[in-house]
Amino acid sequence: AGTYRDPALRSCSQAGLVNNLNDALAWGLVPLFLAAEGAGPGQIGLVAGLYPAVWGLGQVYTGHWSDSAGRKPLIVAGMLVQAAALVILGASGGGVAMAAAAAVALGAGTALVYPTLIAAISDAVAPVARPAMVGVYRFWRDMGYVAGGLVAGVLADAIEFEGAILVVAALTAVSGLWVGRDLPATRHG
């Protein structure tokens, strides 16, 4: 119930769910999309590897950056960068160069969002309540993998790969705008 009543917890939980929804799309649907468009295993591996490499390296810096820049700007920007990356991917026609550029942008957006959401959850609750609230947030965030697999699979069957990718891009953009409207601004450091 705490996730619905508190604007910070509500906006961060939905953003975590949508972030992992597009993560599930990246891991489950993108390799199939690229293969269907003629990409080979090495090309698919390149695209698949760029995304977590940029995300992993980037989040080392973005978590700390959010202490001074504030949580909200990084989360909103990250979700919108992810949405733009998915639009590029959907428009790529399976071209490896565009898909690789989209993977880099998707990784950068995820690096902005992933550590910052957990920090925003921690900001929103008293230290004694933090373990439970982070657990609730993680439940919603990790449900994004389930939702992503289902949404991406059903949409890919119904409207093809490109359509599914563009729908998830739209969901990601709406999620970022929701955070922009609902998450109270904070600044630390």
C-alpha atoms as a PDB file:
ATOM      1  CA  ALA A   1       0.000   0.000   0.000  1.00  0.00           C
ATOM      2  CA  GLY A   2       2.920   2.353   0.652  1.00  0.00           C
ATOM      3  CA  THR A   3       3.865   2.348  -2.995  1.00  0.00           C
ATOM      4  CA  TYR A   4       0.510   3.789  -4.031  1.00  0.00           C
ATOM      5  CA  ARG A   5       0.114   6.477  -1.356  1.00  0.00           C
ATOM      6  CA  ASP A   6       3.559   8.054  -1.522  1.00  0.00           C
ATOM      7  CA  PRO A   7       4.363   9.908  -4.784  1.00  0.00           C
ATOM      8  CA  ALA A   8       8.076   9.085  -4.620  1.00  0.00           C
ATOM      9  CA  LEU A   9       7.509   5.384  -4.022  1.00  0.00           C
ATOM     10  CA  ARG A  10       4.719   5.239  -6.612  1.00  0.00           C
ATOM     11  CA  SER A  11       6.687   6.953  -9.366  1.00  0.00           C
ATOM     12  CA  CYS A  12       9.903   5.050  -8.662  1.00  0.00           C
ATOM     13  CA  SER A  13       8.135   1.688  -8.521  1.00  0.00           C
ATOM     14  CA  GLN A  14       6.397   2.182 -11.866  1.00  0.00           C
ATOM     15  CA  ALA A  15       9.635   3.469 -13.410  1.00  0.00           C
ATOM     16  CA  GLY A  16      11.515   0.435 -12.114  1.00  0.00           C
ATOM     17  CA  LEU A  17       8.871  -1.860 -13.582  1.00  0.00           C
ATOM     18  CA  VAL A  18       9.009  -0.123 -16.974  1.00  0.00           C
ATOM     19  CA  ASN A  19      12.823  -0.005 -16.922  1.00  0.00           C
ATOM     20  CA  ASN A  20      12.950  -3.771 -16.508  1.00  0.00           C
ATOM     21  CA  LEU A  21      10.144  -4.192 -19.039  1.00  0.00           C
ATOM     22  CA  ASN A  22      12.361  -2.607 -21.675  1.00  0.00           C
ATOM     23  CA  ASP A  23      15.327  -4.589 -20.332  1.00  0.00           C
ATOM     24  CA  ALA A  24      13.382  -7.807 -20.949  1.00  0.00           C
ATOM     25  CA  LEU A  25      12.653  -6.576 -24.468  1.00  0.00           C
ATOM     26  CA  ALA A  26      16.361  -5.884 -25.019  1.00  0.00           C
ATOM     27  CA  TRP A  27      17.383  -9.380 -23.944  1.00  0.00           C
ATOM     28  CA  GLY A  28      14.477 -11.382 -25.324  1.00  0.00           C
ATOM     29  CA  LEU A  29      13.200  -9.687 -28.444  1.00  0.00           C
ATOM     30  CA  VAL A  30      16.141  -7.742 -29.872  1.00  0.00           C
ATOM     31  CA  PRO A  31      18.261 -10.813 -30.732  1.00  0.00           C
ATOM     32  CA  LEU A  32      15.266 -12.359 -32.488  1.00  0.00           C
ATOM     33  CA  PHE A  33      14.567  -9.088 -34.325  1.00  0.00           C
ATOM     34  CA  LEU A  34      18.156  -8.801 -35.507  1.00  0.00           C
ATOM     35  CA  ALA A  35      18.307 -12.465 -36.548  1.00  0.00           C
ATOM     36  CA  ALA A  36      15.060 -12.123 -38.490  1.00  0.00           C
ATOM     37  CA  GLU A  37      16.606  -9.207 -40.370  1.00  0.00           C
ATOM     38  CA  GLY A  38      19.705 -11.248 -41.288  1.00  0.00           C
ATOM     39  CA  ALA A  39      22.233 -10.360 -38.569  1.00  0.00           C
ATOM     40  CA  GLY A  40      24.696 -13.070 -37.700  1.00  0.00           C
ATOM     41  CA  PRO A  41      25.612 -14.341 -34.231  1.00  0.00           C
ATOM     42  CA  GLY A  42      28.657 -12.060 -33.939  1.00  0.00           C
ATOM     43  CA  GLN A  43      26.640  -8.991 -34.882  1.00  0.00           C
ATOM     44  CA  ILE A  44      23.866  -9.917 -32.458  1.00  0.00           C
ATOM     45  CA  GLY A  45      26.479 -10.501 -29.752  1.00  0.00           C
ATOM     46  CA  LEU A  46      27.997  -7.078 -30.408  1.00  0.00           C
ATOM     47  CA  VAL A  47      24.640  -5.322 -30.013  1.00  0.00           C
ATOM     48  CA  ALA A  48      23.724  -7.440 -26.994  1.00  0.00           C
ATOM     49  CA  GLY A  49      27.099  -6.750 -25.346  1.00  0.00           C
ATOM     50  CA  LEU A  50      27.150  -2.983 -25.882  1.00  0.00           C
ATOM     51  CA  TYR A  51      23.987  -2.408 -23.879  1.00  0.00           C
ATOM     52  CA  PRO A  52      25.132  -3.910 -20.527  1.00  0.00           C
ATOM     53  CA  ALA A  53      28.713  -2.661 -20.999  1.00  0.00           C
ATOM     54  CA  VAL A  54      27.586   0.971 -21.247  1.00  0.00           C
ATOM     55  CA  TRP A  55      25.012   0.469 -18.499  1.00  0.00           C
ATOM     56  CA  GLY A  56      27.472  -1.230 -16.130  1.00  0.00           C
ATOM     57  CA  LEU A  57      30.276   1.274 -16.586  1.00  0.00           C
ATOM     58  CA  GLY A  58      27.964   4.276 -16.620  1.00  0.00           C
ATOM     59  CA  GLN A  59      26.117   3.495 -13.416  1.00  0.00           C
ATOM     60  CA  VAL A  60      29.357   3.697 -11.450  1.00  0.00           C
ATOM     61  CA  TYR A  61      29.257   7.452 -12.102  1.00  0.00           C
ATOM     62  CA  THR A  62      25.558   8.211 -12.351  1.00  0.00           C
ATOM     63  CA  GLY A  63      24.676   6.978  -8.878  1.00  0.00           C
ATOM     64  CA  HIS A  64      27.093   9.460  -7.357  1.00  0.00           C
ATOM     65  CA  TRP A  65      26.095  12.158  -9.838  1.00  0.00           C
ATOM     66  CA  SER A  66      22.487  11.921  -8.658  1.00  0.00           C
ATOM     67  CA  ASP A  67      23.656  12.989  -5.188  1.00  0.00           C
ATOM     68  CA  SER A  68      24.504  16.430  -6.546  1.00  0.00           C
ATOM     69  CA  ALA A  69      22.239  16.748  -9.609  1.00  0.00           C
ATOM     70  CA  GLY A  70      19.157  15.361  -7.905  1.00  0.00           C
ATOM     71  CA  ARG A  71      17.335  12.104  -8.478  1.00  0.00           C
ATOM     72  CA  LYS A  72      14.440  13.358 -10.586  1.00  0.00           C
ATOM     73  CA  PRO A  73      16.399  14.911 -13.492  1.00  0.00           C
ATOM     74  CA  LEU A  74      18.514  11.789 -13.973  1.00  0.00           C
ATOM     75  CA  ILE A  75      15.564   9.399 -13.818  1.00  0.00           C
ATOM     76  CA  VAL A  76      13.460  11.467 -16.224  1.00  0.00           C
ATOM     77  CA  ALA A  77      16.364  11.969 -18.627  1.00  0.00           C
ATOM     78  CA  GLY A  78      17.308   8.301 -18.435  1.00  0.00           C
ATOM     79  CA  MET A  79      13.798   7.094 -19.220  1.00  0.00           C
ATOM     80  CA  LEU A  80      13.528   9.505 -22.153  1.00  0.00           C
ATOM     81  CA  VAL A  81      16.953   8.440 -23.476  1.00  0.00           C
ATOM     82  CA  GLN A  82      15.828   4.816 -23.234  1.00  0.00           C
ATOM     83  CA  ALA A  83      12.636   5.660 -25.137  1.00  0.00           C
ATOM     84  CA  ALA A  84      14.623   7.444 -27.864  1.00  0.00           C
ATOM     85  CA  ALA A  85      17.024   4.491 -28.088  1.00  0.00           C
ATOM     86  CA  LEU A  86      14.101   2.121 -28.578  1.00  0.00           C
ATOM     87  CA  VAL A  87      12.656   4.351 -31.305  1.00  0.00           C
ATOM     88  CA  ILE A  88      16.044   4.245 -33.081  1.00  0.00           C
ATOM     89  CA  LEU A  89      16.115   0.469 -32.679  1.00  0.00           C
ATOM     90  CA  GLY A  90      12.560   0.108 -33.997  1.00  0.00           C
ATOM     91  CA  ALA A  91      13.395   2.298 -36.986  1.00  0.00           C
ATOM     92  CA  SER A  92      16.688   0.513 -37.692  1.00  0.00           C
ATOM     93  CA  GLY A  93      15.170  -2.206 -39.862  1.00  0.00           C
ATOM     94  CA  GLY A  94      17.575  -4.553 -38.095  1.00  0.00           C
ATOM     95  CA  GLY A  95      20.631  -2.704 -39.387  1.00  0.00           C
ATOM     96  CA  VAL A  96      23.504  -3.543 -37.078  1.00  0.00           C
ATOM     97  CA  ALA A  97      25.080  -0.060 -37.025  1.00  0.00           C
ATOM     98  CA  MET A  98      21.819   1.610 -35.953  1.00  0.00           C
ATOM     99  CA  ALA A  99      21.036  -1.202 -33.532  1.00  0.00           C
ATOM    100  CA  ALA A 100      24.499  -0.814 -31.975  1.00  0.00           C
ATOM    101  CA  ALA A 101      23.965   2.953 -31.597  1.00  0.00           C
ATOM    102  CA  ALA A 102      20.580   2.231 -30.016  1.00  0.00           C
ATOM    103  CA  ALA A 103      22.190  -0.276 -27.634  1.00  0.00           C
ATOM    104  CA  VAL A 104      24.732   2.334 -26.514  1.00  0.00           C
ATOM    105  CA  ALA A 105      21.961   4.884 -25.934  1.00  0.00           C
ATOM    106  CA  LEU A 106      19.806   2.309 -24.132  1.00  0.00           C
ATOM    107  CA  GLY A 107      22.747   1.479 -21.873  1.00  0.00           C
ATOM    108  CA  ALA A 108      23.345   5.166 -21.138  1.00  0.00           C
ATOM    109  CA  GLY A 109      19.697   5.698 -20.272  1.00  0.00           C
ATOM    110  CA  THR A 110      19.640   2.646 -18.035  1.00  0.00           C
ATOM    111  CA  ALA A 111      22.818   3.820 -16.299  1.00  0.00           C
ATOM    112  CA  LEU A 112      21.051   7.078 -15.455  1.00  0.00           C
ATOM    113  CA  VAL A 113      17.968   5.312 -14.130  1.00  0.00           C
ATOM    114  CA  TYR A 114      19.014   2.094 -12.408  1.00  0.00           C
ATOM    115  CA  PRO A 115      21.096   3.259  -9.414  1.00  0.00           C
ATOM    116  CA  THR A 116      19.190   6.516  -9.105  1.00  0.00           C
ATOM    117  CA  LEU A 117      15.834   4.805  -8.560  1.00  0.00           C
ATOM    118  CA  ILE A 118      17.162   2.865  -5.569  1.00  0.00           C
ATOM    119  CA  ALA A 119      18.679   6.067  -4.165  1.00  0.00           C
ATOM    120  CA  ALA A 120      15.345   7.869  -4.632  1.00  0.00           C
ATOM    121  CA  ILE A 121      13.529   5.087  -2.770  1.00  0.00           C
ATOM    122  CA  SER A 122      16.059   5.372   0.055  1.00  0.00           C
ATOM    123  CA  ASP A 123      15.537   9.143   0.183  1.00  0.00           C
ATOM    124  CA  ALA A 124      11.768   8.749   0.498  1.00  0.00           C
ATOM    125  CA  VAL A 125      11.646   6.633   3.660  1.00  0.00           C
ATOM    126  CA  ALA A 126      13.123   6.663   7.134  1.00  0.00           C
ATOM    127  CA  PRO A 127      16.161   4.403   7.632  1.00  0.00           C
ATOM    128  CA  VAL A 128      14.159   1.957   9.738  1.00  0.00           C
ATOM    129  CA  ALA A 129      11.622   1.482   6.915  1.00  0.00           C
ATOM    130  CA  ARG A 130      14.203   1.297   4.127  1.00  0.00           C
ATOM    131  CA  PRO A 131      14.691  -2.483   3.918  1.00  0.00           C
ATOM    132  CA  ALA A 132      10.961  -3.152   3.542  1.00  0.00           C
ATOM    133  CA  MET A 133      10.400  -0.345   1.030  1.00  0.00           C
ATOM    134  CA  VAL A 134      13.418  -1.316  -1.071  1.00  0.00           C
ATOM    135  CA  GLY A 135      11.991  -4.849  -1.048  1.00  0.00           C
ATOM    136  CA  VAL A 136       8.610  -3.593  -2.278  1.00  0.00           C
ATOM    137  CA  TYR A 137      10.346  -1.494  -4.950  1.00  0.00           C
ATOM    138  CA  ARG A 138      12.410  -4.508  -6.028  1.00  0.00           C
ATOM    139  CA  PHE A 139       9.206  -6.562  -6.313  1.00  0.00           C
ATOM    140  CA  TRP A 140       7.722  -4.025  -8.746  1.00  0.00           C
ATOM    141  CA  ARG A 141      11.011  -3.541 -10.581  1.00  0.00           C
ATOM    142  CA  ASP A 142      11.552  -7.263 -11.039  1.00  0.00           C
ATOM    143  CA  MET A 143       7.931  -7.764 -12.143  1.00  0.00           C
ATOM    144  CA  GLY A 144       9.025  -5.704 -15.137  1.00  0.00           C
ATOM    145  CA  TYR A 145      10.888  -8.751 -16.434  1.00  0.00           C
ATOM    146  CA  VAL A 146       7.662 -10.767 -16.342  1.00  0.00           C
ATOM    147  CA  ALA A 147       5.630  -7.957 -17.892  1.00  0.00           C
ATOM    148  CA  GLY A 148       8.322  -7.315 -20.498  1.00  0.00           C
ATOM    149  CA  GLY A 149       8.437 -10.907 -21.638  1.00  0.00           C
ATOM    150  CA  LEU A 150       4.674 -11.092 -21.915  1.00  0.00           C
ATOM    151  CA  VAL A 151       4.145  -7.662 -23.478  1.00  0.00           C
ATOM    152  CA  ALA A 152       7.009  -7.973 -25.956  1.00  0.00           C
ATOM    153  CA  GLY A 153       6.044 -11.501 -26.971  1.00  0.00           C
ATOM    154  CA  VAL A 154       2.352 -10.791 -27.442  1.00  0.00           C
ATOM    155  CA  LEU A 155       3.029  -7.537 -29.285  1.00  0.00           C
ATOM    156  CA  ALA A 156       5.681  -9.085 -31.529  1.00  0.00           C
ATOM    157  CA  ASP A 157       3.165 -11.739 -32.573  1.00  0.00           C
ATOM    158  CA  ALA A 158       0.416  -9.169 -33.101  1.00  0.00           C
ATOM    159  CA  ILE A 159       2.260  -6.228 -34.696  1.00  0.00           C
ATOM    160  CA  GLU A 160       5.729  -7.523 -35.562  1.00  0.00           C
ATOM    161  CA  PHE A 161       9.064  -6.748 -33.892  1.00  0.00           C
ATOM    162  CA  GLU A 162       9.232  -3.073 -34.860  1.00  0.00           C
ATOM    163  CA  GLY A 163       5.747  -2.380 -33.539  1.00  0.00           C
ATOM    164  CA  ALA A 164       6.467  -4.116 -30.246  1.00  0.00           C
ATOM    165  CA  ILE A 165       9.677  -2.115 -29.816  1.00  0.00           C
ATOM    166  CA  LEU A 166       7.866   1.161 -30.543  1.00  0.00           C
ATOM    167  CA  VAL A 167       5.068   0.377 -28.059  1.00  0.00           C
ATOM    168  CA  VAL A 168       7.665  -0.287 -25.353  1.00  0.00           C
ATOM    169  CA  ALA A 169       9.395   2.982 -26.341  1.00  0.00           C
ATOM    170  CA  ALA A 170       6.106   4.817 -25.815  1.00  0.00           C
ATOM    171  CA  LEU A 171       5.552   3.132 -22.435  1.00  0.00           C
ATOM    172  CA  THR A 172       9.080   4.131 -21.405  1.00  0.00           C
ATOM    173  CA  ALA A 173       8.533   7.757 -22.419  1.00  0.00           C
ATOM    174  CA  VAL A 174       5.221   7.904 -20.527  1.00  0.00           C
ATOM    175  CA  SER A 175       6.943   6.401 -17.491  1.00  0.00           C
ATOM    176  CA  GLY A 176       9.650   9.078 -17.595  1.00  0.00           C
ATOM    177  CA  LEU A 177       7.042  11.821 -17.884  1.00  0.00           C
ATOM    178  CA  TRP A 178       5.161  10.284 -14.941  1.00  0.00           C
ATOM    179  CA  VAL A 179       8.333  10.526 -12.837  1.00  0.00           C
ATOM    180  CA  GLY A 180       8.732  14.134 -13.962  1.00  0.00           C
ATOM    181  CA  ARG A 181       5.242  14.912 -12.720  1.00  0.00           C
ATOM    182  CA  ASP A 182       5.048  12.751  -9.581  1.00  0.00           C
ATOM    183  CA  LEU A 183       8.521  12.468  -8.017  1.00  0.00           C
ATOM    184  CA  PRO A 184       9.361  15.249  -5.577  1.00  0.00           C
ATOM    185  CA  ALA A 185      12.622  16.993  -6.411  1.00  0.00           C
ATOM    186  CA  THR A 186      15.560  16.197  -4.127  1.00  0.00           C
ATOM    187  CA  ARG A 187      19.151  17.281  -4.061  1.00  0.00           C
ATOM    188  CA  HIS A 188      21.914  15.914  -1.879  1.00  0.00           C
ATOM    189  CA  GLY A 189      25.599  16.588  -1.364  1.00  0.00           C
END
